Amino acid sequence: MVCQKIVLNTSCKVSRTLNSSTTEFLLIGIKQQLSKIHDSSLTTTHSDRNLGFIFDEHLTFSDQISALSKSCYCHIRELRCIGPYLNFETASTIATSIVHSKLDYCNSLYHNLPNYQLNRPQQIQNSLARAVVKAPKSLHITTILKSLHWLKVNERIEYKLLSLTYKVLTTSNLAILTI
């Protein structure tokens, strides 16, 4: 009840009204923390979407990665269908603009996720790379990724974090933090 009053008071200060019958809260924490909250007046949800990214109550991002997999594999199947009519450069451009952009969107949030969670986006990228070069599954993926000049998913995450850090440290413009 206390949390709900805080949110309602805050929303009133910014001239917004909340419909208490349809308002849901996403409580984020580990299982031990969440088990301590026994406020029956709160309507909670297990996951929610914000700016197209799905957050879950334990920040495992499993719902986000599942939705990402579904969307990306759909595009990869479509790319394979039109693949025979595309040259390498066009296929690579389509793959980068459609699927890689989805893999890269908010990928810095995946930093420090366990390997079993990062394996799924990596499998998407591997499948995409094979679709672009029209390679069989038997060909080792490292050589394919190197030929495309693509970093692996965990390397892309590290690169993004390092480049954002560099931009913040080398510019006096703090507006970059809002990106």
N, C-alpha and C. Protein backbone atom coordinates (compact mmCIF):
# COMPACT_ATOMS: atom_id res chain seq x y z
N MET A 1 0.82 -1.19 0.00
CA MET A 1 0.00 0.00 0.00
C MET A 1 0.86 1.25 0.00
N VAL A 2 2.00 1.21 0.68
CA VAL A 2 2.89 2.36 0.75
C VAL A 2 3.46 2.65 -0.64
N CYS A 3 3.89 1.61 -1.35
CA CYS A 3 4.44 1.78 -2.70
C CYS A 3 3.40 2.40 -3.62
N GLN A 4 2.20 1.92 -3.52
CA GLN A 4 1.13 2.41 -4.39
C GLN A 4 0.85 3.89 -4.12
N LYS A 5 0.88 4.30 -2.86
CA LYS A 5 0.65 5.70 -2.52
C LYS A 5 1.77 6.58 -3.05
N ILE A 6 3.00 6.11 -2.98
CA ILE A 6 4.14 6.87 -3.50
C ILE A 6 3.98 7.10 -5.00
N VAL A 7 3.65 6.04 -5.73
CA VAL A 7 3.47 6.15 -7.17
C VAL A 7 2.32 7.07 -7.50
N LEU A 8 1.21 6.96 -6.80
CA LEU A 8 0.05 7.82 -7.06
C LEU A 8 0.37 9.28 -6.76
N ASN A 9 1.08 9.55 -5.66
CA ASN A 9 1.46 10.92 -5.34
C ASN A 9 2.41 11.49 -6.38
N THR A 10 3.36 10.70 -6.84
CA THR A 10 4.30 11.15 -7.85
C THR A 10 3.59 11.44 -9.16
N SER A 11 2.67 10.58 -9.56
CA SER A 11 1.96 10.80 -10.82
C SER A 11 1.08 12.04 -10.75
N CYS A 12 0.54 12.36 -9.58
CA CYS A 12 -0.27 13.57 -9.43
C CYS A 12 0.59 14.82 -9.58
N LYS A 13 1.83 14.76 -9.11
CA LYS A 13 2.73 15.91 -9.19
C LYS A 13 3.10 16.23 -10.64
N VAL A 14 3.12 15.23 -11.50
CA VAL A 14 3.47 15.47 -12.91
C VAL A 14 2.21 15.51 -13.77
N SER A 15 1.09 15.79 -13.16
CA SER A 15 -0.21 15.98 -13.85
C SER A 15 -0.65 14.76 -14.64
N ARG A 16 -0.44 13.58 -14.10
CA ARG A 16 -0.92 12.35 -14.73
C ARG A 16 -1.81 11.64 -13.73
N THR A 17 -2.80 10.96 -14.25
CA THR A 17 -3.66 10.18 -13.37
C THR A 17 -3.52 8.71 -13.73
N LEU A 18 -3.56 7.89 -12.72
CA LEU A 18 -3.46 6.45 -12.90
C LEU A 18 -4.82 5.82 -12.63
N ASN A 19 -5.19 4.89 -13.46
CA ASN A 19 -6.41 4.14 -13.23
C ASN A 19 -6.02 2.97 -12.34
N SER A 20 -6.38 3.01 -11.08
CA SER A 20 -5.94 2.00 -10.12
C SER A 20 -6.46 0.60 -10.46
N SER A 21 -7.54 0.51 -11.23
CA SER A 21 -8.05 -0.82 -11.58
C SER A 21 -7.25 -1.46 -12.72
N THR A 22 -6.54 -0.66 -13.51
CA THR A 22 -5.77 -1.23 -14.63
C THR A 22 -4.27 -1.06 -14.47
N THR A 23 -3.81 -0.39 -13.42
CA THR A 23 -2.39 -0.17 -13.21
C THR A 23 -1.75 -1.42 -12.63
N GLU A 24 -0.68 -1.87 -13.27
CA GLU A 24 0.08 -3.01 -12.79
C GLU A 24 1.49 -2.55 -12.45
N PHE A 25 2.12 -3.24 -11.51
CA PHE A 25 3.46 -2.92 -11.09
C PHE A 25 4.38 -4.09 -11.41
N LEU A 26 5.58 -3.76 -11.85
CA LEU A 26 6.61 -4.77 -12.06
C LEU A 26 7.61 -4.60 -10.93
N LEU A 27 7.63 -5.56 -10.03
CA LEU A 27 8.56 -5.55 -8.92
C LEU A 27 9.79 -6.35 -9.33
N ILE A 28 10.95 -5.73 -9.25
CA ILE A 28 12.19 -6.36 -9.71
C ILE A 28 13.07 -6.68 -8.52
N GLY A 29 13.58 -7.90 -8.48
CA GLY A 29 14.47 -8.32 -7.41
C GLY A 29 14.70 -9.82 -7.46
N ILE A 30 15.53 -10.28 -6.54
CA ILE A 30 15.75 -11.72 -6.45
C ILE A 30 14.57 -12.34 -5.69
N LYS A 31 14.43 -13.65 -5.78
CA LYS A 31 13.26 -14.33 -5.20
C LYS A 31 13.11 -14.05 -3.72
N GLN A 32 14.23 -13.99 -2.97
CA GLN A 32 14.15 -13.75 -1.54
C GLN A 32 13.60 -12.34 -1.26
N GLN A 33 13.99 -11.36 -2.07
CA GLN A 33 13.49 -10.00 -1.87
C GLN A 33 12.00 -9.92 -2.20
N LEU A 34 11.61 -10.53 -3.31
CA LEU A 34 10.22 -10.46 -3.74
C LEU A 34 9.29 -11.19 -2.79
N SER A 35 9.79 -12.25 -2.13
CA SER A 35 8.94 -13.00 -1.21
C SER A 35 8.61 -12.20 0.05
N LYS A 36 9.38 -11.15 0.35
CA LYS A 36 9.15 -10.32 1.53
C LYS A 36 8.02 -9.31 1.31
N ILE A 37 7.63 -9.11 0.07
CA ILE A 37 6.58 -8.13 -0.23
C ILE A 37 5.24 -8.85 -0.23
N HIS A 38 4.39 -8.47 0.70
CA HIS A 38 3.07 -9.10 0.83
C HIS A 38 1.98 -8.04 0.77
N ASP A 39 2.05 -7.17 -0.20
CA ASP A 39 1.04 -6.12 -0.33
C ASP A 39 -0.02 -6.59 -1.31
N SER A 40 -1.16 -7.01 -0.80
CA SER A 40 -2.20 -7.56 -1.66
C SER A 40 -2.92 -6.49 -2.47
N SER A 41 -2.70 -5.23 -2.13
CA SER A 41 -3.36 -4.16 -2.89
C SER A 41 -2.65 -3.87 -4.21
N LEU A 42 -1.45 -4.41 -4.39
CA LEU A 42 -0.70 -4.20 -5.63
C LEU A 42 -1.07 -5.27 -6.65
N THR A 43 -1.35 -4.84 -7.85
CA THR A 43 -1.52 -5.77 -8.96
C THR A 43 -0.18 -5.85 -9.66
N THR A 44 0.49 -6.99 -9.54
CA THR A 44 1.84 -7.12 -10.11
C THR A 44 1.82 -7.94 -11.38
N THR A 45 2.85 -7.75 -12.17
CA THR A 45 3.03 -8.52 -13.40
C THR A 45 4.43 -9.12 -13.37
N HIS A 46 4.64 -10.17 -14.14
CA HIS A 46 5.95 -10.83 -14.14
C HIS A 46 6.91 -10.24 -15.15
N SER A 47 6.37 -9.57 -16.18
CA SER A 47 7.22 -8.92 -17.17
C SER A 47 6.47 -7.75 -17.79
N ASP A 48 7.24 -6.83 -18.35
CA ASP A 48 6.62 -5.68 -18.99
C ASP A 48 7.56 -5.17 -20.08
N ARG A 49 6.97 -4.51 -21.06
CA ARG A 49 7.72 -3.99 -22.20
C ARG A 49 7.91 -2.49 -22.02
N ASN A 50 9.14 -2.04 -22.22
CA ASN A 50 9.45 -0.61 -22.17
C ASN A 50 10.37 -0.31 -23.35
N LEU A 51 9.93 0.58 -24.24
CA LEU A 51 10.66 0.93 -25.45
C LEU A 51 11.01 -0.31 -26.28
N GLY A 52 10.10 -1.26 -26.30
CA GLY A 52 10.29 -2.46 -27.11
C GLY A 52 11.16 -3.52 -26.48
N PHE A 53 11.58 -3.33 -25.25
CA PHE A 53 12.44 -4.29 -24.56
C PHE A 53 11.65 -4.87 -23.40
N ILE A 54 11.67 -6.20 -23.26
CA ILE A 54 10.88 -6.86 -22.23
C ILE A 54 11.74 -7.09 -20.98
N PHE A 55 11.29 -6.51 -19.88
CA PHE A 55 11.95 -6.69 -18.59
C PHE A 55 11.13 -7.68 -17.77
N ASP A 56 11.81 -8.60 -17.08
CA ASP A 56 11.09 -9.53 -16.21
C ASP A 56 11.50 -9.27 -14.76
N GLU A 57 10.77 -9.86 -13.84
CA GLU A 57 10.94 -9.54 -12.43
C GLU A 57 12.31 -9.91 -11.85
N HIS A 58 13.01 -10.86 -12.47
CA HIS A 58 14.33 -11.26 -11.97
C HIS A 58 15.46 -10.78 -12.86
N LEU A 59 15.14 -9.97 -13.87
CA LEU A 59 16.10 -9.44 -14.84
C LEU A 59 16.94 -10.54 -15.50
N THR A 60 16.29 -11.66 -15.81
CA THR A 60 16.97 -12.72 -16.56
C THR A 60 16.87 -12.47 -18.06
N PHE A 61 15.93 -11.64 -18.47
CA PHE A 61 15.67 -11.29 -19.87
C PHE A 61 15.29 -12.49 -20.72
N SER A 62 14.80 -13.55 -20.10
CA SER A 62 14.43 -14.74 -20.86
C SER A 62 13.25 -14.47 -21.79
N ASP A 63 12.28 -13.69 -21.33
CA ASP A 63 11.15 -13.34 -22.20
C ASP A 63 11.61 -12.49 -23.38
N GLN A 64 12.54 -11.56 -23.13
CA GLN A 64 13.07 -10.71 -24.19
C GLN A 64 13.83 -11.55 -25.22
N ILE A 65 14.66 -12.45 -24.75
CA ILE A 65 15.46 -13.27 -25.66
C ILE A 65 14.57 -14.23 -26.45
N SER A 66 13.50 -14.73 -25.83
CA SER A 66 12.56 -15.58 -26.56
C SER A 66 11.84 -14.80 -27.66
N ALA A 67 11.40 -13.60 -27.34
CA ALA A 67 10.73 -12.76 -28.35
C ALA A 67 11.70 -12.37 -29.46
N LEU A 68 12.94 -12.08 -29.08
CA LEU A 68 13.98 -11.75 -30.06
C LEU A 68 14.25 -12.93 -30.98
N SER A 69 14.34 -14.12 -30.41
CA SER A 69 14.58 -15.33 -31.21
C SER A 69 13.47 -15.55 -32.22
N LYS A 70 12.25 -15.43 -31.76
CA LYS A 70 11.09 -15.63 -32.64
C LYS A 70 11.12 -14.66 -33.82
N SER A 71 11.36 -13.39 -33.52
CA SER A 71 11.38 -12.37 -34.56
C SER A 71 12.55 -12.57 -35.53
N CYS A 72 13.74 -12.80 -35.00
CA CYS A 72 14.93 -12.93 -35.84
C CYS A 72 14.88 -14.17 -36.72
N TYR A 73 14.45 -15.29 -36.16
CA TYR A 73 14.38 -16.52 -36.97
C TYR A 73 13.35 -16.38 -38.09
N CYS A 74 12.30 -15.63 -37.85
CA CYS A 74 11.32 -15.37 -38.91
C CYS A 74 11.99 -14.63 -40.07
N HIS A 75 12.78 -13.61 -39.75
CA HIS A 75 13.48 -12.84 -40.79
C HIS A 75 14.56 -13.68 -41.48
N ILE A 76 15.22 -14.54 -40.72
CA ILE A 76 16.25 -15.40 -41.32
C ILE A 76 15.61 -16.38 -42.30
N ARG A 77 14.45 -16.95 -41.94
CA ARG A 77 13.75 -17.84 -42.87
C ARG A 77 13.37 -17.10 -44.15
N GLU A 78 12.90 -15.86 -44.00
CA GLU A 78 12.55 -15.07 -45.18
C GLU A 78 13.78 -14.77 -46.03
N LEU A 79 14.90 -14.49 -45.37
CA LEU A 79 16.15 -14.24 -46.09
C LEU A 79 16.59 -15.48 -46.86
N ARG A 80 16.42 -16.64 -46.26
CA ARG A 80 16.78 -17.88 -46.95
C ARG A 80 15.90 -18.12 -48.18
N CYS A 81 14.64 -17.70 -48.08
CA CYS A 81 13.72 -17.88 -49.22
C CYS A 81 14.14 -17.03 -50.42
N ILE A 82 14.55 -15.79 -50.14
CA ILE A 82 14.93 -14.91 -51.26
C ILE A 82 16.43 -14.95 -51.53
N GLY A 83 17.17 -15.71 -50.72
CA GLY A 83 18.62 -15.81 -50.84
C GLY A 83 19.13 -16.17 -52.23
N PRO A 84 18.50 -17.12 -52.91
CA PRO A 84 19.01 -17.48 -54.25
C PRO A 84 18.96 -16.32 -55.25
N TYR A 85 18.17 -15.31 -54.98
CA TYR A 85 18.03 -14.19 -55.91
C TYR A 85 18.91 -12.99 -55.51
N LEU A 86 19.65 -13.13 -54.42
CA LEU A 86 20.47 -12.03 -53.92
C LEU A 86 21.95 -12.32 -54.08
N ASN A 87 22.71 -11.26 -54.35
CA ASN A 87 24.16 -11.45 -54.32
C ASN A 87 24.63 -11.33 -52.86
N PHE A 88 25.89 -11.61 -52.63
CA PHE A 88 26.43 -11.64 -51.27
C PHE A 88 26.29 -10.29 -50.59
N GLU A 89 26.60 -9.22 -51.29
CA GLU A 89 26.58 -7.88 -50.70
C GLU A 89 25.17 -7.48 -50.27
N THR A 90 24.19 -7.77 -51.10
CA THR A 90 22.81 -7.43 -50.77
C THR A 90 22.31 -8.26 -49.59
N ALA A 91 22.63 -9.54 -49.59
CA ALA A 91 22.22 -10.41 -48.49
C ALA A 91 22.84 -9.94 -47.17
N SER A 92 24.10 -9.54 -47.23
CA SER A 92 24.78 -9.06 -46.04
C SER A 92 24.17 -7.75 -45.53
N THR A 93 23.80 -6.87 -46.45
CA THR A 93 23.18 -5.60 -46.07
C THR A 93 21.81 -5.84 -45.43
N ILE A 94 21.02 -6.71 -46.01
CA ILE A 94 19.71 -7.03 -45.45
C ILE A 94 19.86 -7.65 -44.06
N ALA A 95 20.80 -8.58 -43.93
CA ALA A 95 21.02 -9.25 -42.65
C ALA A 95 21.42 -8.25 -41.57
N THR A 96 22.31 -7.35 -41.93
CA THR A 96 22.78 -6.37 -40.96
C THR A 96 21.68 -5.39 -40.58
N SER A 97 20.93 -4.92 -41.57
CA SER A 97 19.94 -3.90 -41.27
C SER A 97 18.72 -4.45 -40.55
N ILE A 98 18.34 -5.68 -40.81
CA ILE A 98 17.12 -6.21 -40.20
C ILE A 98 17.41 -7.02 -38.94
N VAL A 99 18.28 -8.01 -39.04
CA VAL A 99 18.47 -8.92 -37.90
C VAL A 99 19.53 -8.40 -36.93
N HIS A 100 20.66 -7.95 -37.44
CA HIS A 100 21.70 -7.46 -36.53
C HIS A 100 21.23 -6.25 -35.73
N SER A 101 20.41 -5.42 -36.33
CA SER A 101 19.90 -4.26 -35.59
C SER A 101 19.04 -4.73 -34.42
N LYS A 102 18.30 -5.82 -34.60
CA LYS A 102 17.51 -6.37 -33.50
C LYS A 102 18.41 -6.97 -32.42
N LEU A 103 19.47 -7.64 -32.84
CA LEU A 103 20.40 -8.23 -31.88
C LEU A 103 21.13 -7.14 -31.09
N ASP A 104 21.41 -6.02 -31.73
CA ASP A 104 22.18 -4.96 -31.08
C ASP A 104 21.33 -4.03 -30.23
N TYR A 105 20.01 -4.03 -30.43
CA TYR A 105 19.15 -3.10 -29.70
C TYR A 105 19.17 -3.41 -28.20
N CYS A 106 19.63 -2.48 -27.43
CA CYS A 106 19.73 -2.60 -25.96
C CYS A 106 20.57 -3.78 -25.52
N ASN A 107 21.51 -4.22 -26.35
CA ASN A 107 22.29 -5.40 -25.99
C ASN A 107 23.23 -5.15 -24.82
N SER A 108 23.49 -3.90 -24.46
CA SER A 108 24.33 -3.64 -23.29
C SER A 108 23.65 -4.14 -22.01
N LEU A 109 22.33 -4.29 -22.04
CA LEU A 109 21.63 -4.85 -20.88
C LEU A 109 21.94 -6.33 -20.67
N TYR A 110 22.46 -6.97 -21.71
CA TYR A 110 22.80 -8.40 -21.61
C TYR A 110 24.16 -8.61 -20.94
N HIS A 111 24.86 -7.52 -20.62
CA HIS A 111 26.19 -7.65 -20.01
C HIS A 111 26.08 -8.43 -18.70
N ASN A 112 26.97 -9.37 -18.52
CA ASN A 112 27.04 -10.24 -17.33
C ASN A 112 25.89 -11.23 -17.21
N LEU A 113 25.15 -11.45 -18.28
CA LEU A 113 24.17 -12.54 -18.26
C LEU A 113 24.94 -13.86 -18.32
N PRO A 114 24.38 -14.92 -17.77
CA PRO A 114 25.06 -16.22 -17.85
C PRO A 114 25.16 -16.69 -19.30
N ASN A 115 26.14 -17.53 -19.55
CA ASN A 115 26.40 -18.01 -20.92
C ASN A 115 25.20 -18.69 -21.55
N TYR A 116 24.41 -19.42 -20.76
CA TYR A 116 23.28 -20.12 -21.35
C TYR A 116 22.27 -19.13 -21.93
N GLN A 117 22.20 -17.92 -21.37
CA GLN A 117 21.30 -16.90 -21.91
C GLN A 117 21.91 -16.26 -23.17
N LEU A 118 23.22 -16.05 -23.18
CA LEU A 118 23.88 -15.44 -24.34
C LEU A 118 24.03 -16.41 -25.50
N ASN A 119 23.92 -17.70 -25.23
CA ASN A 119 24.04 -18.68 -26.32
C ASN A 119 22.91 -18.54 -27.33
N ARG A 120 21.73 -18.17 -26.87
CA ARG A 120 20.59 -18.05 -27.79
C ARG A 120 20.79 -16.93 -28.81
N PRO A 121 21.16 -15.70 -28.40
CA PRO A 121 21.46 -14.69 -29.42
C PRO A 121 22.64 -15.08 -30.31
N GLN A 122 23.61 -15.79 -29.73
CA GLN A 122 24.75 -16.22 -30.54
C GLN A 122 24.30 -17.23 -31.61
N GLN A 123 23.38 -18.12 -31.26
CA GLN A 123 22.84 -19.07 -32.24
C GLN A 123 22.08 -18.35 -33.35
N ILE A 124 21.39 -17.26 -32.99
CA ILE A 124 20.70 -16.46 -34.00
C ILE A 124 21.72 -15.89 -34.98
N GLN A 125 22.78 -15.31 -34.43
CA GLN A 125 23.81 -14.72 -35.29
C GLN A 125 24.48 -15.78 -36.16
N ASN A 126 24.73 -16.95 -35.60
CA ASN A 126 25.34 -18.03 -36.37
C ASN A 126 24.44 -18.45 -37.52
N SER A 127 23.17 -18.57 -37.25
CA SER A 127 22.21 -18.94 -38.29
C SER A 127 22.14 -17.87 -39.37
N LEU A 128 22.17 -16.62 -38.94
CA LEU A 128 22.16 -15.50 -39.89
C LEU A 128 23.40 -15.52 -40.77
N ALA A 129 24.55 -15.74 -40.17
CA ALA A 129 25.80 -15.77 -40.94
C ALA A 129 25.78 -16.89 -41.97
N ARG A 130 25.28 -18.05 -41.57
CA ARG A 130 25.19 -19.17 -42.52
C ARG A 130 24.21 -18.87 -43.65
N ALA A 131 23.13 -18.15 -43.33
CA ALA A 131 22.16 -17.79 -44.36
C ALA A 131 22.75 -16.80 -45.36
N VAL A 132 23.57 -15.88 -44.88
CA VAL A 132 24.17 -14.86 -45.75
C VAL A 132 25.17 -15.49 -46.72
N VAL A 133 26.05 -16.35 -46.20
CA VAL A 133 27.08 -16.94 -47.06
C VAL A 133 26.64 -18.26 -47.69
N LYS A 134 25.41 -18.68 -47.36
CA LYS A 134 24.84 -19.93 -47.88
C LYS A 134 25.74 -21.12 -47.55
N ALA A 135 26.18 -21.17 -46.28
CA ALA A 135 27.09 -22.22 -45.83
C ALA A 135 26.32 -23.33 -45.13
N PRO A 136 26.82 -24.55 -45.24
CA PRO A 136 26.19 -25.66 -44.52
C PRO A 136 26.52 -25.60 -43.02
N LYS A 137 25.76 -26.33 -42.22
CA LYS A 137 25.99 -26.34 -40.77
C LYS A 137 27.34 -26.97 -40.41
N SER A 138 27.86 -27.78 -41.30
CA SER A 138 29.12 -28.46 -41.00
C SER A 138 30.33 -27.52 -41.02
N LEU A 139 30.22 -26.38 -41.69
CA LEU A 139 31.32 -25.42 -41.75
C LEU A 139 31.42 -24.67 -40.42
N HIS A 140 32.63 -24.57 -39.89
CA HIS A 140 32.83 -23.94 -38.59
C HIS A 140 32.43 -22.47 -38.63
N ILE A 141 31.71 -22.02 -37.61
CA ILE A 141 31.13 -20.68 -37.60
C ILE A 141 32.17 -19.58 -37.46
N THR A 142 33.28 -19.84 -36.78
CA THR A 142 34.29 -18.80 -36.57
C THR A 142 34.84 -18.29 -37.88
N THR A 143 35.10 -19.19 -38.82
CA THR A 143 35.61 -18.75 -40.12
C THR A 143 34.57 -17.94 -40.89
N ILE A 144 33.30 -18.31 -40.74
CA ILE A 144 32.23 -17.56 -41.42
C ILE A 144 32.13 -16.15 -40.83
N LEU A 145 32.12 -16.05 -39.50
CA LEU A 145 32.02 -14.73 -38.85
C LEU A 145 33.21 -13.85 -39.21
N LYS A 146 34.40 -14.44 -39.27
CA LYS A 146 35.59 -13.66 -39.66
C LYS A 146 35.50 -13.19 -41.10
N SER A 147 34.97 -14.03 -41.97
CA SER A 147 34.85 -13.62 -43.38
C SER A 147 33.84 -12.49 -43.55
N LEU A 148 32.85 -12.43 -42.67
CA LEU A 148 31.86 -11.35 -42.71
C LEU A 148 32.31 -10.12 -41.91
N HIS A 149 33.41 -10.25 -41.17
CA HIS A 149 33.90 -9.20 -40.28
C HIS A 149 32.87 -8.87 -39.19
N TRP A 150 32.24 -9.91 -38.63
CA TRP A 150 31.27 -9.75 -37.56
C TRP A 150 31.89 -10.20 -36.25
N LEU A 151 31.63 -9.46 -35.20
CA LEU A 151 32.02 -9.87 -33.86
C LEU A 151 30.97 -10.82 -33.29
N LYS A 152 31.40 -11.70 -32.40
CA LYS A 152 30.43 -12.57 -31.72
C LYS A 152 29.57 -11.71 -30.79
N VAL A 153 28.45 -12.25 -30.36
CA VAL A 153 27.48 -11.48 -29.57
C VAL A 153 28.10 -10.90 -28.31
N ASN A 154 28.83 -11.71 -27.54
CA ASN A 154 29.43 -11.18 -26.31
C ASN A 154 30.48 -10.11 -26.62
N GLU A 155 31.18 -10.24 -27.76
CA GLU A 155 32.15 -9.23 -28.15
C GLU A 155 31.45 -7.93 -28.59
N ARG A 156 30.29 -8.07 -29.22
CA ARG A 156 29.51 -6.89 -29.63
C ARG A 156 29.03 -6.12 -28.40
N ILE A 157 28.63 -6.85 -27.36
CA ILE A 157 28.19 -6.22 -26.12
C ILE A 157 29.35 -5.46 -25.48
N GLU A 158 30.50 -6.10 -25.40
CA GLU A 158 31.69 -5.46 -24.83
C GLU A 158 32.08 -4.23 -25.64
N TYR A 159 32.05 -4.35 -26.96
CA TYR A 159 32.40 -3.23 -27.82
C TYR A 159 31.46 -2.04 -27.60
N LYS A 160 30.18 -2.33 -27.50
CA LYS A 160 29.20 -1.26 -27.28
C LYS A 160 29.44 -0.57 -25.95
N LEU A 161 29.66 -1.33 -24.90
CA LEU A 161 29.91 -0.74 -23.59
C LEU A 161 31.21 0.08 -23.57
N LEU A 162 32.24 -0.45 -24.21
CA LEU A 162 33.51 0.27 -24.25
C LEU A 162 33.41 1.55 -25.07
N SER A 163 32.70 1.50 -26.19
CA SER A 163 32.58 2.72 -27.00
C SER A 163 31.72 3.77 -26.31
N LEU A 164 30.66 3.36 -25.61
CA LEU A 164 29.86 4.32 -24.83
C LEU A 164 30.69 4.93 -23.70
N THR A 165 31.48 4.11 -23.04
CA THR A 165 32.34 4.60 -21.96
C THR A 165 33.35 5.59 -22.50
N TYR A 166 33.95 5.26 -23.64
CA TYR A 166 34.93 6.16 -24.26
C TYR A 166 34.28 7.49 -24.61
N LYS A 167 33.09 7.46 -25.19
CA LYS A 167 32.41 8.70 -25.57
C LYS A 167 32.12 9.56 -24.35
N VAL A 168 31.70 8.93 -23.26
CA VAL A 168 31.40 9.69 -22.05
C VAL A 168 32.67 10.31 -21.48
N LEU A 169 33.76 9.54 -21.48
CA LEU A 169 35.00 10.03 -20.88
C LEU A 169 35.69 11.09 -21.73
N THR A 170 35.50 11.06 -23.04
CA THR A 170 36.22 11.99 -23.91
C THR A 170 35.41 13.19 -24.34
N THR A 171 34.14 13.22 -24.03
CA THR A 171 33.34 14.40 -24.36
C THR A 171 32.82 15.01 -23.08
N SER A 172 32.67 16.30 -23.10
CA SER A 172 32.11 16.97 -21.93
C SER A 172 30.59 17.05 -22.02
N ASN A 173 30.05 16.56 -23.12
CA ASN A 173 28.61 16.61 -23.34
C ASN A 173 27.96 15.43 -22.63
N LEU A 174 27.24 15.67 -21.59
CA LEU A 174 26.58 14.61 -20.84
C LEU A 174 25.28 14.17 -21.48
N ALA A 175 24.87 14.82 -22.57
CA ALA A 175 23.65 14.43 -23.25
C ALA A 175 23.77 13.03 -23.83
N ILE A 176 24.99 12.54 -24.02
CA ILE A 176 25.18 11.19 -24.58
C ILE A 176 24.65 10.13 -23.63
N LEU A 177 24.55 10.44 -22.36
CA LEU A 177 24.04 9.47 -21.39
C LEU A 177 22.56 9.22 -21.57
N THR A 178 21.87 10.09 -22.27
CA THR A 178 20.44 9.93 -22.46
C THR A 178 20.11 9.07 -23.67
N ILE A 179 21.12 8.67 -24.42
CA ILE A 179 20.89 7.85 -25.62
C ILE A 179 20.59 6.43 -25.24
